[in-house]
Amino acid sequence: QVQLVESGGGLVQAGGSLRLSCAASGNFFSIVDMAWYRQAPGKQRESDASISNGGSTNYEDSVQGRFTISRDNAKNTVYLQMNSLKPEDTAVYYCQVQAVIGRSAGRYWGQGTQVTVSS
């Protein structure tokens, strides 16, 4: 199985920055894709950014230019640097990883970390 531990959430004023981290551990062969999602109250969970094991990144339009996703493969950790935060970025942020265990690959979720942006 795969365990994901997230950290870095908190309360910040609009225009501020936060850096989220998500470390993966467990009995897996490798981590393929890593991604960050958000879920605001009353809304569905949606993707913010993703990064492949080769370093290719994708961003939603709403965070393009403000958020940066990166990963440290040696530490099985993915990061989300969030700059120029807006009140509408307030949400619970979840990391998701695709891990290879044996001959199969599965997707796993972190427990979520709260990000609150005050106006």
C-alpha atoms as a PDB file:
ATOM      1  CA  GLN A   1       0.000   0.000   0.000  1.00  0.00           C
ATOM      2  CA  VAL A   2       0.881   3.658  -0.242  1.00  0.00           C
ATOM      3  CA  GLN A   3       0.719   6.230   2.532  1.00  0.00           C
ATOM      4  CA  LEU A   4       0.673   9.923   1.719  1.00  0.00           C
ATOM      5  CA  VAL A   5       1.397  12.577   4.310  1.00  0.00           C
ATOM      6  CA  GLU A   6       0.580  16.164   3.425  1.00  0.00           C
ATOM      7  CA  SER A   7       1.760  19.305   5.131  1.00  0.00           C
ATOM      8  CA  GLY A   8       2.029  23.034   4.585  1.00  0.00           C
ATOM      9  CA  GLY A   9      -1.550  24.225   4.669  1.00  0.00           C
ATOM     10  CA  GLY A  10      -2.708  27.117   6.801  1.00  0.00           C
ATOM     11  CA  LEU A  11      -4.192  30.582   6.909  1.00  0.00           C
ATOM     12  CA  VAL A  12      -2.744  33.307   4.708  1.00  0.00           C
ATOM     13  CA  GLN A  13      -3.819  36.728   3.517  1.00  0.00           C
ATOM     14  CA  ALA A  14      -4.711  37.356  -0.088  1.00  0.00           C
ATOM     15  CA  GLY A  15      -1.579  37.858  -2.138  1.00  0.00           C
ATOM     16  CA  GLY A  16       0.446  35.628   0.137  1.00  0.00           C
ATOM     17  CA  SER A  17       2.151  32.314  -0.490  1.00  0.00           C
ATOM     18  CA  LEU A  18       2.109  28.778   0.837  1.00  0.00           C
ATOM     19  CA  ARG A  19       4.041  25.650  -0.054  1.00  0.00           C
ATOM     20  CA  LEU A  20       2.371  22.280   0.235  1.00  0.00           C
ATOM     21  CA  SER A  21       4.281  19.025   0.507  1.00  0.00           C
ATOM     22  CA  CYS A  22       3.157  15.437   0.106  1.00  0.00           C
ATOM     23  CA  ALA A  23       5.475  12.553   0.930  1.00  0.00           C
ATOM     24  CA  ALA A  24       4.739   9.030  -0.229  1.00  0.00           C
ATOM     25  CA  SER A  25       5.852   5.921   1.587  1.00  0.00           C
ATOM     26  CA  GLY A  26       5.021   2.246   1.472  1.00  0.00           C
ATOM     27  CA  ASN A  27       5.647  -0.925  -0.417  1.00  0.00           C
ATOM     28  CA  PHE A  28       5.580   0.330  -3.997  1.00  0.00           C
ATOM     29  CA  PHE A  29       7.955  -0.121  -6.888  1.00  0.00           C
ATOM     30  CA  SER A  30       7.731   3.382  -8.304  1.00  0.00           C
ATOM     31  CA  ILE A  31       5.672   6.563  -8.433  1.00  0.00           C
ATOM     32  CA  VAL A  32       4.429   7.584 -11.838  1.00  0.00           C
ATOM     33  CA  ASP A  33       2.237  10.689 -11.920  1.00  0.00           C
ATOM     34  CA  MET A  34       1.730  13.043  -8.986  1.00  0.00           C
ATOM     35  CA  ALA A  35      -0.951  15.689  -8.735  1.00  0.00           C
ATOM     36  CA  TRP A  36      -2.661  18.216  -6.518  1.00  0.00           C
ATOM     37  CA  TYR A  37      -6.427  18.627  -6.285  1.00  0.00           C
ATOM     38  CA  ARG A  38      -8.624  20.964  -4.325  1.00  0.00           C
ATOM     39  CA  GLN A  39     -12.102  20.684  -2.913  1.00  0.00           C
ATOM     40  CA  ALA A  40     -13.949  23.787  -1.789  1.00  0.00           C
ATOM     41  CA  PRO A  41     -17.029  23.547   0.461  1.00  0.00           C
ATOM     42  CA  GLY A  42     -20.036  22.372  -1.500  1.00  0.00           C
ATOM     43  CA  LYS A  43     -18.015  21.730  -4.637  1.00  0.00           C
ATOM     44  CA  GLN A  44     -16.541  18.717  -6.348  1.00  0.00           C
ATOM     45  CA  ARG A  45     -12.878  17.896  -6.100  1.00  0.00           C
ATOM     46  CA  GLU A  46     -10.971  19.335  -9.031  1.00  0.00           C
ATOM     47  CA  SER A  47      -7.470  19.136 -10.370  1.00  0.00           C
ATOM     48  CA  ASP A  48      -5.018  21.989 -10.001  1.00  0.00           C
ATOM     49  CA  ALA A  49      -1.749  20.625 -11.322  1.00  0.00           C
ATOM     50  CA  SER A  50       0.017  17.409 -12.206  1.00  0.00           C
ATOM     51  CA  ILE A  51       3.554  16.275 -12.903  1.00  0.00           C
ATOM     52  CA  SER A  52       4.802  13.137 -14.619  1.00  0.00           C
ATOM     53  CA  ASN A  53       7.776  11.076 -13.503  1.00  0.00           C
ATOM     54  CA  GLY A  54       9.678  12.758 -16.316  1.00  0.00           C
ATOM     55  CA  GLY A  55       8.870  16.216 -15.018  1.00  0.00           C
ATOM     56  CA  SER A  56       6.198  17.278 -17.502  1.00  0.00           C
ATOM     57  CA  THR A  57       3.642  19.524 -15.860  1.00  0.00           C
ATOM     58  CA  ASN A  58       0.048  20.545 -16.475  1.00  0.00           C
ATOM     59  CA  TYR A  59      -1.931  23.295 -14.806  1.00  0.00           C
ATOM     60  CA  GLU A  60      -5.533  24.369 -14.680  1.00  0.00           C
ATOM     61  CA  ASP A  61      -6.094  27.793 -16.159  1.00  0.00           C
ATOM     62  CA  SER A  62      -7.130  29.198 -12.789  1.00  0.00           C
ATOM     63  CA  VAL A  63      -3.698  28.532 -11.238  1.00  0.00           C
ATOM     64  CA  GLN A  64      -1.452  28.895 -14.275  1.00  0.00           C
ATOM     65  CA  GLY A  65       1.298  31.395 -13.517  1.00  0.00           C
ATOM     66  CA  ARG A  66       0.574  31.413  -9.785  1.00  0.00           C
ATOM     67  CA  PHE A  67       1.138  27.804  -8.717  1.00  0.00           C
ATOM     68  CA  THR A  68       4.161  25.629  -9.422  1.00  0.00           C
ATOM     69  CA  ILE A  69       4.203  21.867  -9.007  1.00  0.00           C
ATOM     70  CA  SER A  70       7.490  20.048  -8.540  1.00  0.00           C
ATOM     71  CA  ARG A  71       8.720  16.702  -7.275  1.00  0.00           C
ATOM     72  CA  ASP A  72      11.733  15.141  -5.643  1.00  0.00           C
ATOM     73  CA  ASN A  73      11.890  11.584  -6.888  1.00  0.00           C
ATOM     74  CA  ALA A  74      14.575  10.603  -4.381  1.00  0.00           C
ATOM     75  CA  LYS A  75      12.207  11.562  -1.569  1.00  0.00           C
ATOM     76  CA  ASN A  76       8.978  10.449  -3.310  1.00  0.00           C
ATOM     77  CA  THR A  77       7.638  13.898  -2.540  1.00  0.00           C
ATOM     78  CA  VAL A  78       5.548  16.330  -4.532  1.00  0.00           C
ATOM     79  CA  TYR A  79       5.298  20.037  -3.794  1.00  0.00           C
ATOM     80  CA  LEU A  80       2.886  22.795  -4.700  1.00  0.00           C
ATOM     81  CA  GLN A  81       4.206  26.319  -4.432  1.00  0.00           C
ATOM     82  CA  MET A  82       1.227  28.650  -4.326  1.00  0.00           C
ATOM     83  CA  ASN A  83       1.817  32.354  -4.882  1.00  0.00           C
ATOM     84  CA  SER A  84      -0.534  35.312  -5.260  1.00  0.00           C
ATOM     85  CA  LEU A  85      -3.201  33.428  -3.381  1.00  0.00           C
ATOM     86  CA  LYS A  86      -6.802  34.543  -3.697  1.00  0.00           C
ATOM     87  CA  PRO A  87      -9.778  33.999  -1.388  1.00  0.00           C
ATOM     88  CA  GLU A  88     -11.264  31.688  -4.010  1.00  0.00           C
ATOM     89  CA  ASP A  89      -8.270  29.391  -3.538  1.00  0.00           C
ATOM     90  CA  THR A  90      -9.658  28.485  -0.123  1.00  0.00           C
ATOM     91  CA  ALA A  91     -10.172  24.725  -0.093  1.00  0.00           C
ATOM     92  CA  VAL A  92      -8.902  21.425   1.202  1.00  0.00           C
ATOM     93  CA  TYR A  93      -5.957  20.400  -0.955  1.00  0.00           C
ATOM     94  CA  TYR A  94      -5.283  16.754  -1.683  1.00  0.00           C
ATOM     95  CA  CYS A  95      -2.312  15.115  -3.302  1.00  0.00           C
ATOM     96  CA  GLN A  96      -2.774  12.110  -5.508  1.00  0.00           C
ATOM     97  CA  VAL A  97      -0.112   9.735  -6.755  1.00  0.00           C
ATOM     98  CA  GLN A  98      -0.097   6.876  -9.208  1.00  0.00           C
ATOM     99  CA  ALA A  99       2.055   4.120  -7.758  1.00  0.00           C
ATOM    100  CA  VAL A 100       3.205   0.843  -9.224  1.00  0.00           C
ATOM    101  CA  ILE A 101       2.855  -2.132  -6.882  1.00  0.00           C
ATOM    102  CA  GLY A 102       3.841  -5.436  -8.368  1.00  0.00           C
ATOM    103  CA  ARG A 103       2.388  -5.561 -11.877  1.00  0.00           C
ATOM    104  CA  SER A 104      -0.396  -3.071 -11.323  1.00  0.00           C
ATOM    105  CA  ALA A 105      -0.692   0.662 -10.854  1.00  0.00           C
ATOM    106  CA  GLY A 106      -3.172   2.399  -8.614  1.00  0.00           C
ATOM    107  CA  ARG A 107      -4.038   5.918  -7.559  1.00  0.00           C
ATOM    108  CA  TYR A 108      -3.823   6.958  -3.934  1.00  0.00           C
ATOM    109  CA  TRP A 109      -4.963  10.056  -2.050  1.00  0.00           C
ATOM    110  CA  GLY A 110      -3.552  12.034   0.814  1.00  0.00           C
ATOM    111  CA  GLN A 111      -5.662  13.023   3.805  1.00  0.00           C
ATOM    112  CA  GLY A 112      -5.973  16.639   2.712  1.00  0.00           C
ATOM    113  CA  THR A 113      -4.657  19.881   4.109  1.00  0.00           C
ATOM    114  CA  GLN A 114      -6.730  23.014   4.638  1.00  0.00           C
ATOM    115  CA  VAL A 115      -5.756  26.222   2.886  1.00  0.00           C
ATOM    116  CA  THR A 116      -7.640  29.360   3.892  1.00  0.00           C
ATOM    117  CA  VAL A 117      -7.038  32.670   2.150  1.00  0.00           C
ATOM    118  CA  SER A 118      -8.466  35.739   3.845  1.00  0.00           C
ATOM    119  CA  SER A 119      -9.396  38.884   1.966  1.00  0.00           C
END
